[in-house]
Amino acid sequence: MPLSGMTGFGRAEGAAGDWSWAVEARSVNGRNLEVRFRGPPGFEGLDRAAREAAQSRFARGQVNVGVQARRAESAADVRVNQEVLERYLALGAPLLAAGKAGPPSLDGLLALRGVIEAAEPADDPQAQAELEAAVALSVGAALEALAASRREEGLALTAVLIGLTDRIEALVGEAAALAEGQPAAIKERFERRMIELAGEAVSPDKIASEAAALAVKADVREELDRLKAHVDAARGHIAADGPQGRRLDFLTQEFMREANTLCSKSALGALTTVGLELKATIEQFREQVQNVE
């Protein structure tokens, strides 16, 4: 499976009986996997289903799952409050007897506040369990859509990371070519400095010996070899199956450690320039890796 990102969105809708619902799943970057569920009263059992479904699909990221459910109103859902209705009729009876008001109409009575009220649905555990199971399927569908969205982001990230890896490899090659000139540059600089301080009396052998010691300290071949190995490792992680974000994040730290050492050992302005550009490219690589699952 190619790289996956950690940002995305998924939505699914469903209906059963007189219920309809919509599920939305969103995710953003996160160091670990964190799942949050929000649903209407009576659907608390979906929290576990949402967490298990998310854990089976994702390894990292902050995942938010929200459920909105609505029960359609019908004639069976309402009733006439006889007590309230009779109270209204009793209050109006004196006015009718005095001829101050006409007989009330049915629609007028039913429109009075409190006469029509919602009836509490019968408590049916089996029906509620079947409803939650149906909604859980939509939760799974929304999370699957979220996973597809994250995979799309992963495809875009893959292209960017491959391009940055190629750029790092090219800069390492430039650094290697420039580093070959470091011993001669160090020797020339040291010889010039010694002549300025001691004049022509300084021994050529002494200059050669000291310059060689300085060149050994400034040798960057090990750093360049490790950078080349890291490039190969990066390509391997980018092409590998499964979540690779943590591995790439660690590899980025190793990239930067070698680049810092390369710059500190540089005795050439051109090599330092390449080293700084290498560090900037590695930083771009690191920023993109933060989005990889």
C-alpha atoms as a PDB file:
ATOM      1  CA  MET A   1       0.000   0.000   0.000  1.00  0.00           C
ATOM      2  CA  PRO A   2       1.451   3.427  -0.911  1.00  0.00           C
ATOM      3  CA  LEU A   3       2.093   6.184   1.591  1.00  0.00           C
ATOM      4  CA  SER A   4      -0.953   7.636   3.310  1.00  0.00           C
ATOM      5  CA  GLY A   5      -1.399  11.151   4.629  1.00  0.00           C
ATOM      6  CA  MET A   6      -3.123  12.069   7.881  1.00  0.00           C
ATOM      7  CA  THR A   7      -5.511  14.765   6.668  1.00  0.00           C
ATOM      8  CA  GLY A   8      -8.821  13.926   5.039  1.00  0.00           C
ATOM      9  CA  PHE A   9     -12.606  13.827   5.143  1.00  0.00           C
ATOM     10  CA  GLY A  10     -15.251  11.147   4.657  1.00  0.00           C
ATOM     11  CA  ARG A  11     -19.043  11.161   4.792  1.00  0.00           C
ATOM     12  CA  ALA A  12     -21.773   8.522   4.668  1.00  0.00           C
ATOM     13  CA  GLU A  13     -25.561   8.650   5.024  1.00  0.00           C
ATOM     14  CA  GLY A  14     -28.182   6.042   5.816  1.00  0.00           C
ATOM     15  CA  ALA A  15     -31.793   5.428   6.770  1.00  0.00           C
ATOM     16  CA  ALA A  16     -33.812   2.685   8.425  1.00  0.00           C
ATOM     17  CA  GLY A  17     -37.484   2.799   9.331  1.00  0.00           C
ATOM     18  CA  ASP A  18     -38.353   6.308  10.435  1.00  0.00           C
ATOM     19  CA  TRP A  19     -34.705   7.159  11.224  1.00  0.00           C
ATOM     20  CA  SER A  20     -32.182   8.870   8.971  1.00  0.00           C
ATOM     21  CA  TRP A  21     -28.596   9.806   9.759  1.00  0.00           C
ATOM     22  CA  ALA A  22     -25.355  11.245   8.437  1.00  0.00           C
ATOM     23  CA  VAL A  23     -21.824  10.396   9.567  1.00  0.00           C
ATOM     24  CA  GLU A  24     -18.802  12.635   9.011  1.00  0.00           C
ATOM     25  CA  ALA A  25     -15.222  11.579   9.690  1.00  0.00           C
ATOM     26  CA  ARG A  26     -12.314  14.029   9.654  1.00  0.00           C
ATOM     27  CA  SER A  27      -8.647  13.666  10.531  1.00  0.00           C
ATOM     28  CA  VAL A  28      -5.621  15.895  10.987  1.00  0.00           C
ATOM     29  CA  ASN A  29      -1.968  15.252  11.779  1.00  0.00           C
ATOM     30  CA  GLY A  30      -1.147  13.591  15.067  1.00  0.00           C
ATOM     31  CA  ARG A  31       1.877  11.891  16.589  1.00  0.00           C
ATOM     32  CA  ASN A  32      -0.265   8.900  17.605  1.00  0.00           C
ATOM     33  CA  LEU A  33      -3.788   7.735  16.816  1.00  0.00           C
ATOM     34  CA  GLU A  34      -6.477   9.612  18.747  1.00  0.00           C
ATOM     35  CA  VAL A  35     -10.161   8.919  18.026  1.00  0.00           C
ATOM     36  CA  ARG A  36     -12.973  11.181  19.212  1.00  0.00           C
ATOM     37  CA  PHE A  37     -16.662  10.352  18.802  1.00  0.00           C
ATOM     38  CA  ARG A  38     -19.658  12.664  19.016  1.00  0.00           C
ATOM     39  CA  GLY A  39     -23.225  11.406  18.597  1.00  0.00           C
ATOM     40  CA  PRO A  40     -26.812  12.137  19.663  1.00  0.00           C
ATOM     41  CA  PRO A  41     -28.275  10.907  22.988  1.00  0.00           C
ATOM     42  CA  GLY A  42     -29.099   7.242  22.906  1.00  0.00           C
ATOM     43  CA  PHE A  43     -26.271   6.300  20.545  1.00  0.00           C
ATOM     44  CA  GLU A  44     -23.470   6.038  23.081  1.00  0.00           C
ATOM     45  CA  GLY A  45     -22.826   2.443  22.041  1.00  0.00           C
ATOM     46  CA  LEU A  46     -21.417   3.697  18.738  1.00  0.00           C
ATOM     47  CA  ASP A  47     -18.389   5.186  20.501  1.00  0.00           C
ATOM     48  CA  ARG A  48     -16.689   1.799  20.786  1.00  0.00           C
ATOM     49  CA  ALA A  49     -17.647   0.815  17.238  1.00  0.00           C
ATOM     50  CA  ALA A  50     -16.162   4.061  15.868  1.00  0.00           C
ATOM     51  CA  ARG A  51     -12.914   3.612  17.803  1.00  0.00           C
ATOM     52  CA  GLU A  52     -12.465  -0.003  16.720  1.00  0.00           C
ATOM     53  CA  ALA A  53     -13.244   0.850  13.095  1.00  0.00           C
ATOM     54  CA  ALA A  54     -10.718   3.716  13.141  1.00  0.00           C
ATOM     55  CA  GLN A  55      -8.031   1.608  14.836  1.00  0.00           C
ATOM     56  CA  SER A  56      -8.397  -1.069  12.162  1.00  0.00           C
ATOM     57  CA  ARG A  57      -7.722   1.480   9.408  1.00  0.00           C
ATOM     58  CA  PHE A  58      -5.297   4.061  10.785  1.00  0.00           C
ATOM     59  CA  ALA A  59      -2.061   4.133  12.758  1.00  0.00           C
ATOM     60  CA  ARG A  60      -1.643   7.879  13.353  1.00  0.00           C
ATOM     61  CA  GLY A  61      -3.648  11.092  13.307  1.00  0.00           C
ATOM     62  CA  GLN A  62      -6.446  12.785  15.228  1.00  0.00           C
ATOM     63  CA  VAL A  63      -9.698  11.281  13.929  1.00  0.00           C
ATOM     64  CA  ASN A  64     -13.056  12.887  14.712  1.00  0.00           C
ATOM     65  CA  VAL A  65     -16.273  10.976  13.995  1.00  0.00           C
ATOM     66  CA  GLY A  66     -19.616  12.778  14.266  1.00  0.00           C
ATOM     67  CA  VAL A  67     -23.103  11.280  13.899  1.00  0.00           C
ATOM     68  CA  GLN A  68     -26.281  13.270  13.342  1.00  0.00           C
ATOM     69  CA  ALA A  69     -29.517  11.244  13.525  1.00  0.00           C
ATOM     70  CA  ARG A  70     -33.151  12.312  13.136  1.00  0.00           C
ATOM     71  CA  ARG A  71     -36.377  10.430  13.721  1.00  0.00           C
ATOM     72  CA  ALA A  72     -39.227  11.382  11.407  1.00  0.00           C
ATOM     73  CA  GLU A  73     -42.404  12.591  13.116  1.00  0.00           C
ATOM     74  CA  SER A  74     -45.661  10.732  12.396  1.00  0.00           C
ATOM     75  CA  ALA A  75     -49.189  10.540  13.743  1.00  0.00           C
ATOM     76  CA  ALA A  76     -48.073   7.773  16.062  1.00  0.00           C
ATOM     77  CA  ASP A  77     -45.520  10.074  17.637  1.00  0.00           C
ATOM     78  CA  VAL A  78     -48.032  12.614  18.978  1.00  0.00           C
ATOM     79  CA  ARG A  79     -50.989  12.505  21.336  1.00  0.00           C
ATOM     80  CA  VAL A  80     -53.703  14.792  22.681  1.00  0.00           C
ATOM     81  CA  ASN A  81     -53.206  15.833  26.280  1.00  0.00           C
ATOM     82  CA  GLN A  82     -56.771  15.388  27.521  1.00  0.00           C
ATOM     83  CA  GLU A  83     -56.083  17.068  30.851  1.00  0.00           C
ATOM     84  CA  VAL A  84     -54.831  20.255  29.226  1.00  0.00           C
ATOM     85  CA  LEU A  85     -57.665  20.232  26.671  1.00  0.00           C
ATOM     86  CA  GLU A  86     -60.345  19.882  29.361  1.00  0.00           C
ATOM     87  CA  ARG A  87     -58.751  22.718  31.306  1.00  0.00           C
ATOM     88  CA  TYR A  88     -59.026  24.994  28.261  1.00  0.00           C
ATOM     89  CA  LEU A  89     -62.681  23.941  27.761  1.00  0.00           C
ATOM     90  CA  ALA A  90     -63.463  24.589  31.427  1.00  0.00           C
ATOM     91  CA  LEU A  91     -61.929  28.058  31.241  1.00  0.00           C
ATOM     92  CA  GLY A  92     -63.959  28.882  28.132  1.00  0.00           C
ATOM     93  CA  ALA A  93     -67.275  27.481  29.355  1.00  0.00           C
ATOM     94  CA  PRO A  94     -68.355  30.689  31.187  1.00  0.00           C
ATOM     95  CA  LEU A  95     -67.717  32.740  28.061  1.00  0.00           C
ATOM     96  CA  LEU A  96     -69.830  30.354  25.972  1.00  0.00           C
ATOM     97  CA  ALA A  97     -72.645  30.454  28.525  1.00  0.00           C
ATOM     98  CA  ALA A  98     -72.625  34.253  28.526  1.00  0.00           C
ATOM     99  CA  GLY A  99     -72.682  34.381  24.740  1.00  0.00           C
ATOM    100  CA  LYS A 100     -69.345  36.165  24.660  1.00  0.00           C
ATOM    101  CA  ALA A 101     -67.664  33.489  22.499  1.00  0.00           C
ATOM    102  CA  GLY A 102     -68.681  30.947  19.906  1.00  0.00           C
ATOM    103  CA  PRO A 103     -68.076  27.213  20.049  1.00  0.00           C
ATOM    104  CA  PRO A 104     -64.407  26.424  19.535  1.00  0.00           C
ATOM    105  CA  SER A 105     -63.283  24.638  16.361  1.00  0.00           C
ATOM    106  CA  LEU A 106     -61.250  21.462  16.398  1.00  0.00           C
ATOM    107  CA  ASP A 107     -58.246  23.011  14.686  1.00  0.00           C
ATOM    108  CA  GLY A 108     -58.370  25.898  17.103  1.00  0.00           C
ATOM    109  CA  LEU A 109     -58.357  23.590  20.113  1.00  0.00           C
ATOM    110  CA  LEU A 110     -55.526  21.477  18.757  1.00  0.00           C
ATOM    111  CA  ALA A 111     -53.448  24.588  18.109  1.00  0.00           C
ATOM    112  CA  LEU A 112     -53.590  25.612  21.773  1.00  0.00           C
ATOM    113  CA  ARG A 113     -50.316  25.300  23.591  1.00  0.00           C
ATOM    114  CA  GLY A 114     -49.836  21.953  25.328  1.00  0.00           C
ATOM    115  CA  VAL A 115     -52.824  20.204  23.744  1.00  0.00           C
ATOM    116  CA  ILE A 116     -50.657  18.315  21.222  1.00  0.00           C
ATOM    117  CA  GLU A 117     -47.474  16.814  22.587  1.00  0.00           C
ATOM    118  CA  ALA A 118     -44.904  14.309  21.410  1.00  0.00           C
ATOM    119  CA  ALA A 119     -45.404  10.796  22.622  1.00  0.00           C
ATOM    120  CA  GLU A 120     -42.426   9.002  24.078  1.00  0.00           C
ATOM    121  CA  PRO A 121     -41.477   6.097  21.797  1.00  0.00           C
ATOM    122  CA  ALA A 122     -41.736   2.657  23.303  1.00  0.00           C
ATOM    123  CA  ASP A 123     -38.472   1.350  24.743  1.00  0.00           C
ATOM    124  CA  ASP A 124     -37.452  -1.469  22.412  1.00  0.00           C
ATOM    125  CA  PRO A 125     -33.879  -2.656  23.084  1.00  0.00           C
ATOM    126  CA  GLN A 126     -33.895  -4.924  20.045  1.00  0.00           C
ATOM    127  CA  ALA A 127     -34.943  -2.109  17.706  1.00  0.00           C
ATOM    128  CA  GLN A 128     -32.319   0.215  19.220  1.00  0.00           C
ATOM    129  CA  ALA A 129     -29.613  -2.421  18.779  1.00  0.00           C
ATOM    130  CA  GLU A 130     -30.586  -2.937  15.129  1.00  0.00           C
ATOM    131  CA  LEU A 131     -30.584   0.826  14.576  1.00  0.00           C
ATOM    132  CA  GLU A 132     -27.112   1.207  16.117  1.00  0.00           C
ATOM    133  CA  ALA A 133     -25.836  -1.667  13.971  1.00  0.00           C
ATOM    134  CA  ALA A 134     -27.125   0.083  10.838  1.00  0.00           C
ATOM    135  CA  VAL A 135     -25.534   3.384  11.869  1.00  0.00           C
ATOM    136  CA  ALA A 136     -22.273   1.539  12.667  1.00  0.00           C
ATOM    137  CA  LEU A 137     -22.141   0.389   9.037  1.00  0.00           C
ATOM    138  CA  SER A 138     -22.324   4.036   7.962  1.00  0.00           C
ATOM    139  CA  VAL A 139     -19.576   4.891  10.446  1.00  0.00           C
ATOM    140  CA  GLY A 140     -17.420   2.267   8.756  1.00  0.00           C
ATOM    141  CA  ALA A 141     -18.300   3.656   5.315  1.00  0.00           C
ATOM    142  CA  ALA A 142     -17.392   7.213   6.395  1.00  0.00           C
ATOM    143  CA  LEU A 143     -14.064   6.016   7.801  1.00  0.00           C
ATOM    144  CA  GLU A 144     -13.362   4.097   4.595  1.00  0.00           C
ATOM    145  CA  ALA A 145     -14.026   7.287   2.622  1.00  0.00           C
ATOM    146  CA  LEU A 146     -11.668   9.088   5.006  1.00  0.00           C
ATOM    147  CA  ALA A 147      -9.009   6.420   4.386  1.00  0.00           C
ATOM    148  CA  ALA A 148      -9.381   6.923   0.627  1.00  0.00           C
ATOM    149  CA  SER A 149      -8.993  10.670   1.112  1.00  0.00           C
ATOM    150  CA  ARG A 150      -5.836  10.136   3.148  1.00  0.00           C
ATOM    151  CA  ARG A 151      -4.454   7.823   0.466  1.00  0.00           C
ATOM    152  CA  GLU A 152      -4.982  10.547  -2.124  1.00  0.00           C
ATOM    153  CA  GLU A 153      -2.981  12.917   0.040  1.00  0.00           C
ATOM    154  CA  GLY A 154      -0.349  10.180   0.340  1.00  0.00           C
ATOM    155  CA  LEU A 155       0.023  10.003  -3.436  1.00  0.00           C
ATOM    156  CA  ALA A 156       0.702  13.732  -3.583  1.00  0.00           C
ATOM    157  CA  LEU A 157       3.159  13.466  -0.687  1.00  0.00           C
ATOM    158  CA  THR A 158       4.956  10.584  -2.393  1.00  0.00           C
ATOM    159  CA  ALA A 159       5.662  12.680  -5.470  1.00  0.00           C
ATOM    160  CA  VAL A 160       6.947  15.563  -3.334  1.00  0.00           C
ATOM    161  CA  LEU A 161       9.157  13.336  -1.174  1.00  0.00           C
ATOM    162  CA  ILE A 162      10.641  11.577  -4.203  1.00  0.00           C
ATOM    163  CA  GLY A 163      11.513  14.960  -5.707  1.00  0.00           C
ATOM    164  CA  LEU A 164      13.139  16.146  -2.478  1.00  0.00           C
ATOM    165  CA  THR A 165      15.050  12.878  -2.126  1.00  0.00           C
ATOM    166  CA  ASP A 166      16.403  13.282  -5.651  1.00  0.00           C
ATOM    167  CA  ARG A 167      17.442  16.840  -4.788  1.00  0.00           C
ATOM    168  CA  ILE A 168      19.224  15.666  -1.626  1.00  0.00           C
ATOM    169  CA  GLU A 169      21.068  13.025  -3.640  1.00  0.00           C
ATOM    170  CA  ALA A 170      22.157  15.616  -6.201  1.00  0.00           C
ATOM    171  CA  LEU A 171      23.444  17.948  -3.479  1.00  0.00           C
ATOM    172  CA  VAL A 172      25.348  15.097  -1.830  1.00  0.00           C
ATOM    173  CA  GLY A 173      26.978  14.440  -5.200  1.00  0.00           C
ATOM    174  CA  GLU A 174      27.954  18.105  -5.508  1.00  0.00           C
ATOM    175  CA  ALA A 175      29.364  18.063  -1.996  1.00  0.00           C
ATOM    176  CA  ALA A 176      31.395  14.949  -2.740  1.00  0.00           C
ATOM    177  CA  ALA A 177      32.928  16.566  -5.825  1.00  0.00           C
ATOM    178  CA  LEU A 178      33.814  19.736  -3.917  1.00  0.00           C
ATOM    179  CA  ALA A 179      35.173  17.813  -0.917  1.00  0.00           C
ATOM    180  CA  GLU A 180      37.908  16.303  -3.089  1.00  0.00           C
ATOM    181  CA  GLY A 181      39.517  19.729  -3.224  1.00  0.00           C
ATOM    182  CA  GLN A 182      39.555  20.229   0.543  1.00  0.00           C
ATOM    183  CA  PRO A 183      43.027  18.717   1.311  1.00  0.00           C
ATOM    184  CA  ALA A 184      44.794  20.935  -1.242  1.00  0.00           C
ATOM    185  CA  ALA A 185      42.885  24.004  -0.087  1.00  0.00           C
ATOM    186  CA  ILE A 186      43.691  23.269   3.561  1.00  0.00           C
ATOM    187  CA  LYS A 187      47.381  22.743   2.767  1.00  0.00           C
ATOM    188  CA  GLU A 188      47.591  25.973   0.752  1.00  0.00           C
ATOM    189  CA  ARG A 189      45.838  27.983   3.453  1.00  0.00           C
ATOM    190  CA  PHE A 190      47.987  26.513   6.233  1.00  0.00           C
ATOM    191  CA  GLU A 191      51.219  27.057   4.270  1.00  0.00           C
ATOM    192  CA  ARG A 192      50.333  30.674   3.572  1.00  0.00           C
ATOM    193  CA  ARG A 193      49.540  31.269   7.219  1.00  0.00           C
ATOM    194  CA  MET A 194      52.751  29.651   8.448  1.00  0.00           C
ATOM    195  CA  ILE A 195      54.875  31.684   6.046  1.00  0.00           C
ATOM    196  CA  GLU A 196      53.138  34.853   7.248  1.00  0.00           C
ATOM    197  CA  LEU A 197      54.008  33.946  10.837  1.00  0.00           C
ATOM    198  CA  ALA A 198      57.430  32.276  10.514  1.00  0.00           C
ATOM    199  CA  GLY A 199      58.694  33.392   7.143  1.00  0.00           C
ATOM    200  CA  GLU A 200      60.519  31.180   4.633  1.00  0.00           C
ATOM    201  CA  ALA A 201      62.338  29.328   7.420  1.00  0.00           C
ATOM    202  CA  VAL A 202      59.367  27.031   8.064  1.00  0.00           C
ATOM    203  CA  SER A 203      60.044  23.429   7.029  1.00  0.00           C
ATOM    204  CA  PRO A 204      58.052  22.119   4.035  1.00  0.00           C
ATOM    205  CA  ASP A 205      57.819  18.761   5.800  1.00  0.00           C
ATOM    206  CA  LYS A 206      56.342  20.474   8.853  1.00  0.00           C
ATOM    207  CA  ILE A 207      53.783  22.222   6.674  1.00  0.00           C
ATOM    208  CA  ALA A 208      52.876  18.971   4.957  1.00  0.00           C
ATOM    209  CA  SER A 209      52.531  17.107   8.267  1.00  0.00           C
ATOM    210  CA  GLU A 210      50.350  19.717   9.962  1.00  0.00           C
ATOM    211  CA  ALA A 211      48.244  20.249   6.840  1.00  0.00           C
ATOM    212  CA  ALA A 212      47.640  16.499   6.607  1.00  0.00           C
ATOM    213  CA  ALA A 213      46.439  16.425  10.207  1.00  0.00           C
ATOM    214  CA  LEU A 214      44.034  19.270   9.506  1.00  0.00           C
ATOM    215  CA  ALA A 215      42.815  17.537   6.355  1.00  0.00           C
ATOM    216  CA  VAL A 216      42.035  14.387   8.346  1.00  0.00           C
ATOM    217  CA  LYS A 217      39.920  16.392  10.783  1.00  0.00           C
ATOM    218  CA  ALA A 218      38.096  18.010   7.852  1.00  0.00           C
ATOM    219  CA  ASP A 219      37.540  14.726   6.013  1.00  0.00           C
ATOM    220  CA  VAL A 220      33.789  14.450   5.213  1.00  0.00           C
ATOM    221  CA  ARG A 221      33.826  11.141   3.361  1.00  0.00           C
ATOM    222  CA  GLU A 222      32.096   9.297   6.218  1.00  0.00           C
ATOM    223  CA  GLU A 223      29.352  11.917   6.376  1.00  0.00           C
ATOM    224  CA  LEU A 224      28.863  11.737   2.612  1.00  0.00           C
ATOM    225  CA  ASP A 225      28.711   7.931   2.706  1.00  0.00           C
ATOM    226  CA  ARG A 226      26.082   8.041   5.435  1.00  0.00           C
ATOM    227  CA  LEU A 227      24.069  10.648   3.536  1.00  0.00           C
ATOM    228  CA  LYS A 228      24.102   8.393   0.458  1.00  0.00           C
ATOM    229  CA  ALA A 229      22.917   5.494   2.619  1.00  0.00           C
ATOM    230  CA  HIS A 230      20.132   7.655   4.053  1.00  0.00           C
ATOM    231  CA  VAL A 231      19.009   8.534   0.528  1.00  0.00           C
ATOM    232  CA  ASP A 232      18.681   4.834  -0.266  1.00  0.00           C
ATOM    233  CA  ALA A 233      16.804   4.257   2.994  1.00  0.00           C
ATOM    234  CA  ALA A 234      14.421   7.134   2.273  1.00  0.00           C
ATOM    235  CA  ARG A 235      13.562   5.680  -1.127  1.00  0.00           C
ATOM    236  CA  GLY A 236      12.961   2.315   0.509  1.00  0.00           C
ATOM    237  CA  HIS A 237      10.575   3.760   3.107  1.00  0.00           C
ATOM    238  CA  ILE A 238       8.699   5.803   0.510  1.00  0.00           C
ATOM    239  CA  ALA A 239       8.112   2.657  -1.572  1.00  0.00           C
ATOM    240  CA  ALA A 240       7.385   0.342   1.378  1.00  0.00           C
ATOM    241  CA  ASP A 241       3.990  -0.909   2.545  1.00  0.00           C
ATOM    242  CA  GLY A 242       2.373   0.262   5.758  1.00  0.00           C
ATOM    243  CA  PRO A 243       2.766   3.431   7.825  1.00  0.00           C
ATOM    244  CA  GLN A 244       6.220   4.950   7.317  1.00  0.00           C
ATOM    245  CA  GLY A 245       5.859   8.361   8.947  1.00  0.00           C
ATOM    246  CA  ARG A 246       7.807   7.615  12.130  1.00  0.00           C
ATOM    247  CA  ARG A 247      10.630   5.917  10.211  1.00  0.00           C
ATOM    248  CA  LEU A 248      10.915   8.830   7.797  1.00  0.00           C
ATOM    249  CA  ASP A 249      10.838  11.289  10.678  1.00  0.00           C
ATOM    250  CA  PHE A 250      13.751   9.509  12.378  1.00  0.00           C
ATOM    251  CA  LEU A 251      15.624   9.321   9.073  1.00  0.00           C
ATOM    252  CA  THR A 252      15.195  13.079   8.648  1.00  0.00           C
ATOM    253  CA  GLN A 253      16.974  13.622  11.965  1.00  0.00           C
ATOM    254  CA  GLU A 254      19.847  11.474  10.741  1.00  0.00           C
ATOM    255  CA  PHE A 255      19.966  13.439   7.474  1.00  0.00           C
ATOM    256  CA  MET A 256      20.228  16.716   9.376  1.00  0.00           C
ATOM    257  CA  ARG A 257      22.894  15.406  11.768  1.00  0.00           C
ATOM    258  CA  GLU A 258      25.204  14.497   8.865  1.00  0.00           C
ATOM    259  CA  ALA A 259      24.484  17.764   7.039  1.00  0.00           C
ATOM    260  CA  ASN A 260      25.372  19.764  10.155  1.00  0.00           C
ATOM    261  CA  THR A 261      28.656  17.883  10.524  1.00  0.00           C
ATOM    262  CA  LEU A 262      29.402  18.417   6.836  1.00  0.00           C
ATOM    263  CA  CYS A 263      28.988  22.176   7.233  1.00  0.00           C
ATOM    264  CA  SER A 264      31.093  22.274  10.406  1.00  0.00           C
ATOM    265  CA  LYS A 265      33.963  20.429   8.685  1.00  0.00           C
ATOM    266  CA  SER A 266      33.803  22.429   5.485  1.00  0.00           C
ATOM    267  CA  ALA A 267      36.955  24.340   4.607  1.00  0.00           C
ATOM    268  CA  LEU A 268      35.601  25.660   1.301  1.00  0.00           C
ATOM    269  CA  GLY A 269      33.038  28.391   0.791  1.00  0.00           C
ATOM    270  CA  ALA A 270      31.461  26.476  -2.100  1.00  0.00           C
ATOM    271  CA  LEU A 271      31.109  23.336   0.025  1.00  0.00           C
ATOM    272  CA  THR A 272      29.532  25.321   2.841  1.00  0.00           C
ATOM    273  CA  THR A 273      27.047  26.798   0.375  1.00  0.00           C
ATOM    274  CA  VAL A 274      26.064  23.337  -0.824  1.00  0.00           C
ATOM    275  CA  GLY A 275      25.845  22.142   2.774  1.00  0.00           C
ATOM    276  CA  LEU A 276      23.461  24.965   3.682  1.00  0.00           C
ATOM    277  CA  GLU A 277      21.300  24.226   0.661  1.00  0.00           C
ATOM    278  CA  LEU A 278      21.324  20.578   1.668  1.00  0.00           C
ATOM    279  CA  LYS A 279      20.084  21.508   5.148  1.00  0.00           C
ATOM    280  CA  ALA A 280      17.306  23.658   3.656  1.00  0.00           C
ATOM    281  CA  THR A 281      16.190  20.772   1.431  1.00  0.00           C
ATOM    282  CA  ILE A 282      16.244  18.340   4.357  1.00  0.00           C
ATOM    283  CA  GLU A 283      14.082  20.780   6.320  1.00  0.00           C
ATOM    284  CA  GLN A 284      11.570  20.814   3.450  1.00  0.00           C
ATOM    285  CA  PHE A 285      11.662  17.015   3.500  1.00  0.00           C
ATOM    286  CA  ARG A 286      11.003  17.051   7.256  1.00  0.00           C
ATOM    287  CA  GLU A 287       7.993  19.369   6.874  1.00  0.00           C
ATOM    288  CA  GLN A 288       6.401  17.017   4.354  1.00  0.00           C
ATOM    289  CA  VAL A 289       7.169  13.937   6.440  1.00  0.00           C
ATOM    290  CA  GLN A 290       5.064  15.421   9.278  1.00  0.00           C
ATOM    291  CA  ASN A 291       2.010  14.755   7.081  1.00  0.00           C
ATOM    292  CA  VAL A 292       2.804  11.073   6.485  1.00  0.00           C
ATOM    293  CA  GLU A 293       0.972   8.436   8.490  1.00  0.00           C
END
